[in-house]
Structures are given as C-alpha cells and as structure tokens.
Amino acid sequence: MRQDIEIYIEELKLHGFSHVDRYRFGQALQLELTRLISEQGLSQSLSRGGDFARVDGGTFNIAPNSKAEVIGNQVAQSVYKGFIK
C-alpha cells in the first residue's frame, strides 16, 4: 500500500558552498530522499506519523570539487539515516 508522506526541511546549514549551487543541491537531495524512502521505507513510528524538531545528519567527507548533485545525495543519505535511528 502506497502512503504519501511530506517532509519539510525548514533550514539546512551547509558551510563553504556557493549559493549558486543551492537549487541543484536541493533537487538532488529531494530525489535521493524520495528514492531511499520508496525503496527502503521508514521506521514503524515514522510510518504512523512523526515530527522531528531536528535531525542530525552527522558528518561525512566530500571529495574536492564535488558537484552539487553528489553532495545533495550524500546529505540525503545522512538525513535518511537520522530518520531511521
């Protein structure tokens, strides 16, 4: 059974990135989160509805000169891990 969910990210703090890349980054983050949730699902508590005041995406390494899309994917994977903890 398909369940519609809505994820609202009020603020995402990334330091050291050009504001020019924000739309490409945002689109990559959205697409990767959608893919992860569609393929791997959510925890039982989130499936019934949940609210996070904050999700800690942790830290990860980014290769020099990485494209915004690659970084967006990495952030989405970290955020997803924060959802299922």
PDB file of N, CA and C in Angstrom:
ATOM      1  N   MET A   1       0.833  -1.186   0.000  1.00  0.00           N
ATOM      2  CA  MET A   1       0.000   0.000   0.000  1.00  0.00           C
ATOM      3  C   MET A   1       0.874   1.245   0.000  1.00  0.00           C
ATOM      4  N   ARG A   2       0.633   2.120  -0.916  1.00  0.00           N
ATOM      5  CA  ARG A   2       1.397   3.347  -1.022  1.00  0.00           C
ATOM      6  C   ARG A   2       0.891   4.354   0.003  1.00  0.00           C
ATOM      7  N   GLN A   3       1.834   5.006   0.668  1.00  0.00           N
ATOM      8  CA  GLN A   3       1.488   6.013   1.659  1.00  0.00           C
ATOM      9  C   GLN A   3       2.180   7.312   1.276  1.00  0.00           C
ATOM     10  N   ASP A   4       1.426   8.385   1.200  1.00  0.00           N
ATOM     11  CA  ASP A   4       2.016   9.679   0.905  1.00  0.00           C
ATOM     12  C   ASP A   4       2.582  10.272   2.184  1.00  0.00           C
ATOM     13  N   ILE A   5       3.789  10.815   2.084  1.00  0.00           N
ATOM     14  CA  ILE A   5       4.380  11.495   3.221  1.00  0.00           C
ATOM     15  C   ILE A   5       4.876  12.855   2.761  1.00  0.00           C
ATOM     16  N   GLU A   6       5.035  13.740   3.695  1.00  0.00           N
ATOM     17  CA  GLU A   6       5.536  15.077   3.388  1.00  0.00           C
ATOM     18  C   GLU A   6       6.694  15.358   4.319  1.00  0.00           C
ATOM     19  N   ILE A   7       7.792  15.764   3.744  1.00  0.00           N
ATOM     20  CA  ILE A   7       8.966  16.135   4.529  1.00  0.00           C
ATOM     21  C   ILE A   7       9.224  17.606   4.265  1.00  0.00           C
ATOM     22  N   TYR A   8       9.286  18.352   5.332  1.00  0.00           N
ATOM     23  CA  TYR A   8       9.537  19.786   5.235  1.00  0.00           C
ATOM     24  C   TYR A   8      10.848  20.075   5.946  1.00  0.00           C
ATOM     25  N   ILE A   9      11.808  20.579   5.219  1.00  0.00           N
ATOM     26  CA  ILE A   9      13.093  20.957   5.800  1.00  0.00           C
ATOM     27  C   ILE A   9      13.108  22.474   5.879  1.00  0.00           C
ATOM     28  N   GLU A  10      12.989  22.964   7.091  1.00  0.00           N
ATOM     29  CA  GLU A  10      12.928  24.409   7.293  1.00  0.00           C
ATOM     30  C   GLU A  10      14.270  25.071   7.031  1.00  0.00           C
ATOM     31  N   GLU A  11      15.311  24.432   7.516  1.00  0.00           N
ATOM     32  CA  GLU A  11      16.629  25.032   7.379  1.00  0.00           C
ATOM     33  C   GLU A  11      17.667  23.933   7.245  1.00  0.00           C
ATOM     34  N   LEU A  12      18.581  24.136   6.343  1.00  0.00           N
ATOM     35  CA  LEU A  12      19.680  23.201   6.153  1.00  0.00           C
ATOM     36  C   LEU A  12      20.945  24.046   6.099  1.00  0.00           C
ATOM     37  N   LYS A  13      21.818  23.831   7.049  1.00  0.00           N
ATOM     38  CA  LYS A  13      23.035  24.640   7.132  1.00  0.00           C
ATOM     39  C   LYS A  13      24.198  23.900   6.499  1.00  0.00           C
ATOM     40  N   LEU A  14      24.727  24.485   5.461  1.00  0.00           N
ATOM     41  CA  LEU A  14      25.915  23.970   4.793  1.00  0.00           C
ATOM     42  C   LEU A  14      26.897  25.125   4.684  1.00  0.00           C
ATOM     43  N   HIS A  15      28.069  24.909   5.151  1.00  0.00           N
ATOM     44  CA  HIS A  15      29.072  25.963   5.132  1.00  0.00           C
ATOM     45  C   HIS A  15      30.116  25.684   4.060  1.00  0.00           C
ATOM     46  N   GLY A  16      30.550  26.744   3.391  1.00  0.00           N
ATOM     47  CA  GLY A  16      31.616  26.607   2.409  1.00  0.00           C
ATOM     48  C   GLY A  16      31.156  26.268   1.003  1.00  0.00           C
ATOM     49  N   PHE A  17      29.866  26.457   0.732  1.00  0.00           N
ATOM     50  CA  PHE A  17      29.333  26.151  -0.596  1.00  0.00           C
ATOM     51  C   PHE A  17      28.792  27.408  -1.253  1.00  0.00           C
ATOM     52  N   SER A  18      28.880  27.455  -2.553  1.00  0.00           N
ATOM     53  CA  SER A  18      28.360  28.591  -3.304  1.00  0.00           C
ATOM     54  C   SER A  18      26.836  28.584  -3.306  1.00  0.00           C
ATOM     55  N   HIS A  19      26.234  29.758  -3.128  1.00  0.00           N
ATOM     56  CA  HIS A  19      24.766  29.845  -3.180  1.00  0.00           C
ATOM     57  C   HIS A  19      24.240  29.533  -4.575  1.00  0.00           C
ATOM     58  N   VAL A  20      25.084  29.617  -5.569  1.00  0.00           N
ATOM     59  CA  VAL A  20      24.693  29.329  -6.949  1.00  0.00           C
ATOM     60  C   VAL A  20      24.244  27.877  -7.100  1.00  0.00           C
ATOM     61  N   ASP A  21      24.824  26.983  -6.311  1.00  0.00           N
ATOM     62  CA  ASP A  21      24.541  25.550  -6.423  1.00  0.00           C
ATOM     63  C   ASP A  21      23.317  25.105  -5.625  1.00  0.00           C
ATOM     64  N   ARG A  22      22.665  26.006  -4.907  1.00  0.00           N
ATOM     65  CA  ARG A  22      21.619  25.592  -3.965  1.00  0.00           C
ATOM     66  C   ARG A  22      20.446  24.869  -4.622  1.00  0.00           C
ATOM     67  N   TYR A  23      20.052  25.246  -5.832  1.00  0.00           N
ATOM     68  CA  TYR A  23      18.900  24.591  -6.474  1.00  0.00           C
ATOM     69  C   TYR A  23      19.251  23.184  -6.965  1.00  0.00           C
ATOM     70  N   ARG A  24      20.433  23.043  -7.544  1.00  0.00           N
ATOM     71  CA  ARG A  24      20.877  21.713  -7.973  1.00  0.00           C
ATOM     72  C   ARG A  24      21.065  20.801  -6.764  1.00  0.00           C
ATOM     73  N   PHE A  25      21.633  21.349  -5.718  1.00  0.00           N
ATOM     74  CA  PHE A  25      21.810  20.605  -4.481  1.00  0.00           C
ATOM     75  C   PHE A  25      20.446  20.179  -3.918  1.00  0.00           C
ATOM     76  N   GLY A  26      19.515  21.111  -3.827  1.00  0.00           N
ATOM     77  CA  GLY A  26      18.187  20.834  -3.281  1.00  0.00           C
ATOM     78  C   GLY A  26      17.438  19.783  -4.077  1.00  0.00           C
ATOM     79  N   GLN A  27      17.531  19.859  -5.383  1.00  0.00           N
ATOM     80  CA  GLN A  27      16.853  18.873  -6.229  1.00  0.00           C
ATOM     81  C   GLN A  27      17.459  17.486  -6.026  1.00  0.00           C
ATOM     82  N   ALA A  28      18.784  17.411  -5.952  1.00  0.00           N
ATOM     83  CA  ALA A  28      19.443  16.120  -5.730  1.00  0.00           C
ATOM     84  C   ALA A  28      19.057  15.544  -4.370  1.00  0.00           C
ATOM     85  N   LEU A  29      18.994  16.390  -3.359  1.00  0.00           N
ATOM     86  CA  LEU A  29      18.596  15.941  -2.024  1.00  0.00           C
ATOM     87  C   LEU A  29      17.177  15.383  -2.045  1.00  0.00           C
ATOM     88  N   GLN A  30      16.276  16.097  -2.695  1.00  0.00           N
ATOM     89  CA  GLN A  30      14.876  15.657  -2.774  1.00  0.00           C
ATOM     90  C   GLN A  30      14.749  14.324  -3.513  1.00  0.00           C
ATOM     91  N   LEU A  31      15.403  14.207  -4.636  1.00  0.00           N
ATOM     92  CA  LEU A  31      15.319  12.969  -5.427  1.00  0.00           C
ATOM     93  C   LEU A  31      15.897  11.771  -4.677  1.00  0.00           C
ATOM     94  N   GLU A  32      17.024  11.979  -4.010  1.00  0.00           N
ATOM     95  CA  GLU A  32      17.654  10.868  -3.292  1.00  0.00           C
ATOM     96  C   GLU A  32      16.826  10.474  -2.067  1.00  0.00           C
ATOM     97  N   LEU A  33      16.287  11.432  -1.330  1.00  0.00           N
ATOM     98  CA  LEU A  33      15.427  11.089  -0.186  1.00  0.00           C
ATOM     99  C   LEU A  33      14.199  10.326  -0.649  1.00  0.00           C
ATOM    100  N   THR A  34      13.619  10.755  -1.752  1.00  0.00           N
ATOM    101  CA  THR A  34      12.450  10.061  -2.312  1.00  0.00           C
ATOM    102  C   THR A  34      12.806   8.625  -2.670  1.00  0.00           C
ATOM    103  N   ARG A  35      13.949   8.445  -3.310  1.00  0.00           N
ATOM    104  CA  ARG A  35      14.385   7.110  -3.693  1.00  0.00           C
ATOM    105  C   ARG A  35      14.606   6.229  -2.461  1.00  0.00           C
ATOM    106  N   LEU A  36      15.306   6.743  -1.475  1.00  0.00           N
ATOM    107  CA  LEU A  36      15.598   5.961  -0.275  1.00  0.00           C
ATOM    108  C   LEU A  36      14.329   5.550   0.458  1.00  0.00           C
ATOM    109  N   ILE A  37      13.414   6.473   0.619  1.00  0.00           N
ATOM    110  CA  ILE A  37      12.168   6.166   1.326  1.00  0.00           C
ATOM    111  C   ILE A  37      11.323   5.192   0.523  1.00  0.00           C
ATOM    112  N   SER A  38      11.279   5.370  -0.791  1.00  0.00           N
ATOM    113  CA  SER A  38      10.498   4.465  -1.649  1.00  0.00           C
ATOM    114  C   SER A  38      11.052   3.050  -1.623  1.00  0.00           C
ATOM    115  N   GLU A  39      12.358   2.926  -1.667  1.00  0.00           N
ATOM    116  CA  GLU A  39      12.985   1.608  -1.737  1.00  0.00           C
ATOM    117  C   GLU A  39      13.156   0.935  -0.379  1.00  0.00           C
ATOM    118  N   GLN A  40      13.457   1.726   0.654  1.00  0.00           N
ATOM    119  CA  GLN A  40      13.807   1.146   1.948  1.00  0.00           C
ATOM    120  C   GLN A  40      12.785   1.426   3.048  1.00  0.00           C
ATOM    121  N   GLY A  41      11.851   2.336   2.788  1.00  0.00           N
ATOM    122  CA  GLY A  41      10.802   2.626   3.756  1.00  0.00           C
ATOM    123  C   GLY A  41      11.274   3.445   4.937  1.00  0.00           C
ATOM    124  N   LEU A  42      10.387   3.546   5.918  1.00  0.00           N
ATOM    125  CA  LEU A  42      10.647   4.294   7.136  1.00  0.00           C
ATOM    126  C   LEU A  42      10.406   3.397   8.334  1.00  0.00           C
ATOM    127  N   SER A  43      10.855   3.836   9.482  1.00  0.00           N
ATOM    128  CA  SER A  43      10.596   3.081  10.706  1.00  0.00           C
ATOM    129  C   SER A  43       9.095   3.064  10.983  1.00  0.00           C
ATOM    130  N   GLN A  44       8.653   2.116  11.811  1.00  0.00           N
ATOM    131  CA  GLN A  44       7.229   1.998  12.144  1.00  0.00           C
ATOM    132  C   GLN A  44       6.685   3.297  12.733  1.00  0.00           C
ATOM    133  N   SER A  45       7.442   3.918  13.632  1.00  0.00           N
ATOM    134  CA  SER A  45       6.953   5.128  14.282  1.00  0.00           C
ATOM    135  C   SER A  45       6.765   6.265  13.282  1.00  0.00           C
ATOM    136  N   LEU A  46       7.660   6.380  12.319  1.00  0.00           N
ATOM    137  CA  LEU A  46       7.505   7.419  11.304  1.00  0.00           C
ATOM    138  C   LEU A  46       6.402   7.093  10.319  1.00  0.00           C
ATOM    139  N   SER A  47       6.193   5.830  10.051  1.00  0.00           N
ATOM    140  CA  SER A  47       5.140   5.430   9.120  1.00  0.00           C
ATOM    141  C   SER A  47       3.768   5.829   9.637  1.00  0.00           C
ATOM    142  N   ARG A  48       3.626   5.914  10.952  1.00  0.00           N
ATOM    143  CA  ARG A  48       2.348   6.313  11.556  1.00  0.00           C
ATOM    144  C   ARG A  48       2.249   7.815  11.756  1.00  0.00           C
ATOM    145  N   GLY A  49       3.256   8.529  11.339  1.00  0.00           N
ATOM    146  CA  GLY A  49       3.271   9.982  11.513  1.00  0.00           C
ATOM    147  C   GLY A  49       4.260  10.346  12.594  1.00  0.00           C
ATOM    148  N   GLY A  50       5.046  11.309  12.339  1.00  0.00           N
ATOM    149  CA  GLY A  50       6.050  11.710  13.313  1.00  0.00           C
ATOM    150  C   GLY A  50       6.529  13.108  13.015  1.00  0.00           C
ATOM    151  N   ASP A  51       7.151  13.684  13.983  1.00  0.00           N
ATOM    152  CA  ASP A  51       7.634  15.048  13.834  1.00  0.00           C
ATOM    153  C   ASP A  51       9.004  15.124  14.489  1.00  0.00           C
ATOM    154  N   PHE A  52       9.965  15.636  13.774  1.00  0.00           N
ATOM    155  CA  PHE A  52      11.303  15.828  14.302  1.00  0.00           C
ATOM    156  C   PHE A  52      11.552  17.313  14.456  1.00  0.00           C
ATOM    157  N   ALA A  53      11.983  17.717  15.616  1.00  0.00           N
ATOM    158  CA  ALA A  53      12.402  19.101  15.782  1.00  0.00           C
ATOM    159  C   ALA A  53      13.742  19.305  15.078  1.00  0.00           C
ATOM    160  N   ARG A  54      14.527  18.220  15.056  1.00  0.00           N
ATOM    161  CA  ARG A  54      15.849  18.303  14.441  1.00  0.00           C
ATOM    162  C   ARG A  54      16.308  16.898  14.069  1.00  0.00           C
ATOM    163  N   VAL A  55      16.941  16.776  12.930  1.00  0.00           N
ATOM    164  CA  VAL A  55      17.561  15.514  12.518  1.00  0.00           C
ATOM    165  C   VAL A  55      19.044  15.787  12.339  1.00  0.00           C
ATOM    166  N   ASP A  56      19.854  15.032  13.028  1.00  0.00           N
ATOM    167  CA  ASP A  56      21.296  15.186  12.917  1.00  0.00           C
ATOM    168  C   ASP A  56      21.774  14.346  11.748  1.00  0.00           C
ATOM    169  N   GLY A  57      22.238  15.006  10.716  1.00  0.00           N
ATOM    170  CA  GLY A  57      22.732  14.307   9.537  1.00  0.00           C
ATOM    171  C   GLY A  57      24.147  13.795   9.699  1.00  0.00           C
ATOM    172  N   GLY A  58      24.759  14.089  10.830  1.00  0.00           N
ATOM    173  CA  GLY A  58      26.114  13.611  11.068  1.00  0.00           C
ATOM    174  C   GLY A  58      27.130  14.334  10.203  1.00  0.00           C
ATOM    175  N   THR A  59      28.236  13.694  10.009  1.00  0.00           N
ATOM    176  CA  THR A  59      29.299  14.256   9.183  1.00  0.00           C
ATOM    177  C   THR A  59      29.705  13.239   8.124  1.00  0.00           C
ATOM    178  N   PHE A  60      30.278  13.734   7.057  1.00  0.00           N
ATOM    179  CA  PHE A  60      30.776  12.873   6.000  1.00  0.00           C
ATOM    180  C   PHE A  60      31.826  13.631   5.226  1.00  0.00           C
ATOM    181  N   ASN A  61      32.654  12.921   4.506  1.00  0.00           N
ATOM    182  CA  ASN A  61      33.713  13.536   3.713  1.00  0.00           C
ATOM    183  C   ASN A  61      33.222  13.804   2.302  1.00  0.00           C
ATOM    184  N   ILE A  62      33.647  14.913   1.773  1.00  0.00           N
ATOM    185  CA  ILE A  62      33.295  15.301   0.408  1.00  0.00           C
ATOM    186  C   ILE A  62      34.593  15.468  -0.368  1.00  0.00           C
ATOM    187  N   ALA A  63      34.668  14.831  -1.496  1.00  0.00           N
ATOM    188  CA  ALA A  63      35.854  14.961  -2.336  1.00  0.00           C
ATOM    189  C   ALA A  63      35.954  16.398  -2.863  1.00  0.00           C
ATOM    190  N   PRO A  64      37.163  16.905  -2.973  1.00  0.00           N
ATOM    191  CA  PRO A  64      37.333  18.258  -3.516  1.00  0.00           C
ATOM    192  C   PRO A  64      36.653  18.384  -4.887  1.00  0.00           C
ATOM    193  N   ASN A  65      36.059  19.513  -5.128  1.00  0.00           N
ATOM    194  CA  ASN A  65      35.387  19.832  -6.393  1.00  0.00           C
ATOM    195  C   ASN A  65      34.194  18.938  -6.698  1.00  0.00           C
ATOM    196  N   SER A  66      33.564  18.373  -5.664  1.00  0.00           N
ATOM    197  CA  SER A  66      32.364  17.558  -5.887  1.00  0.00           C
ATOM    198  C   SER A  66      31.234  18.429  -6.419  1.00  0.00           C
ATOM    199  N   LYS A  67      30.439  17.865  -7.289  1.00  0.00           N
ATOM    200  CA  LYS A  67      29.292  18.576  -7.847  1.00  0.00           C
ATOM    201  C   LYS A  67      28.180  18.659  -6.814  1.00  0.00           C
ATOM    202  N   ALA A  68      27.332  19.653  -6.956  1.00  0.00           N
ATOM    203  CA  ALA A  68      26.225  19.868  -6.026  1.00  0.00           C
ATOM    204  C   ALA A  68      25.326  18.639  -5.939  1.00  0.00           C
ATOM    205  N   GLU A  69      25.136  17.944  -7.050  1.00  0.00           N
ATOM    206  CA  GLU A  69      24.281  16.764  -7.063  1.00  0.00           C
ATOM    207  C   GLU A  69      24.860  15.639  -6.191  1.00  0.00           C
ATOM    208  N   VAL A  70      26.162  15.465  -6.239  1.00  0.00           N
ATOM    209  CA  VAL A  70      26.823  14.436  -5.435  1.00  0.00           C
ATOM    210  C   VAL A  70      26.690  14.772  -3.953  1.00  0.00           C
ATOM    211  N   ILE A  71      26.887  16.023  -3.627  1.00  0.00           N
ATOM    212  CA  ILE A  71      26.781  16.461  -2.234  1.00  0.00           C
ATOM    213  C   ILE A  71      25.332  16.325  -1.759  1.00  0.00           C
ATOM    214  N   GLY A  72      24.373  16.691  -2.598  1.00  0.00           N
ATOM    215  CA  GLY A  72      22.957  16.546  -2.257  1.00  0.00           C
ATOM    216  C   GLY A  72      22.606  15.101  -1.949  1.00  0.00           C
ATOM    217  N   ASN A  73      23.133  14.177  -2.730  1.00  0.00           N
ATOM    218  CA  ASN A  73      22.905  12.748  -2.484  1.00  0.00           C
ATOM    219  C   ASN A  73      23.486  12.321  -1.138  1.00  0.00           C
ATOM    220  N   GLN A  74      24.688  12.775  -0.834  1.00  0.00           N
ATOM    221  CA  GLN A  74      25.318  12.408   0.432  1.00  0.00           C
ATOM    222  C   GLN A  74      24.532  12.960   1.625  1.00  0.00           C
ATOM    223  N   VAL A  75      24.077  14.188   1.516  1.00  0.00           N
ATOM    224  CA  VAL A  75      23.291  14.781   2.598  1.00  0.00           C
ATOM    225  C   VAL A  75      21.980  14.022   2.774  1.00  0.00           C
ATOM    226  N   ALA A  76      21.320  13.671   1.673  1.00  0.00           N
ATOM    227  CA  ALA A  76      20.063  12.920   1.750  1.00  0.00           C
ATOM    228  C   ALA A  76      20.284  11.577   2.452  1.00  0.00           C
ATOM    229  N   GLN A  77      21.373  10.905   2.137  1.00  0.00           N
ATOM    230  CA  GLN A  77      21.659   9.619   2.778  1.00  0.00           C
ATOM    231  C   GLN A  77      21.892   9.793   4.270  1.00  0.00           C
ATOM    232  N   SER A  78      22.568  10.856   4.657  1.00  0.00           N
ATOM    233  CA  SER A  78      22.801  11.125   6.085  1.00  0.00           C
ATOM    234  C   SER A  78      21.506  11.474   6.794  1.00  0.00           C
ATOM    235  N   VAL A  79      20.665  12.276   6.162  1.00  0.00           N
ATOM    236  CA  VAL A  79      19.380  12.647   6.761  1.00  0.00           C
ATOM    237  C   VAL A  79      18.494  11.402   6.898  1.00  0.00           C
ATOM    238  N   TYR A  80      18.484  10.566   5.882  1.00  0.00           N
ATOM    239  CA  TYR A  80      17.698   9.338   5.938  1.00  0.00           C
ATOM    240  C   TYR A  80      18.136   8.471   7.119  1.00  0.00           C
ATOM    241  N   LYS A  81      19.433   8.336   7.317  1.00  0.00           N
ATOM    242  CA  LYS A  81      19.943   7.571   8.455  1.00  0.00           C
ATOM    243  C   LYS A  81      19.444   8.179   9.771  1.00  0.00           C
ATOM    244  N   GLY A  82      19.348   9.505   9.813  1.00  0.00           N
ATOM    245  CA  GLY A  82      18.816  10.167  11.012  1.00  0.00           C
ATOM    246  C   GLY A  82      17.357   9.867  11.239  1.00  0.00           C
ATOM    247  N   PHE A  83      16.594   9.652  10.166  1.00  0.00           N
ATOM    248  CA  PHE A  83      15.181   9.299  10.268  1.00  0.00           C
ATOM    249  C   PHE A  83      14.975   7.906  10.852  1.00  0.00           C
ATOM    250  N   ILE A  84      15.834   6.974  10.489  1.00  0.00           N
ATOM    251  CA  ILE A  84      15.580   5.584  10.861  1.00  0.00           C
ATOM    252  C   ILE A  84      16.305   5.164  12.140  1.00  0.00           C
ATOM    253  N   LYS A  85      17.002   6.070  12.776  1.00  0.00           N
ATOM    254  CA  LYS A  85      17.691   5.741  14.041  1.00  0.00           C
ATOM    255  C   LYS A  85      16.704   5.369  15.102  1.00  0.00           C
TER     256      LYS A  85
END
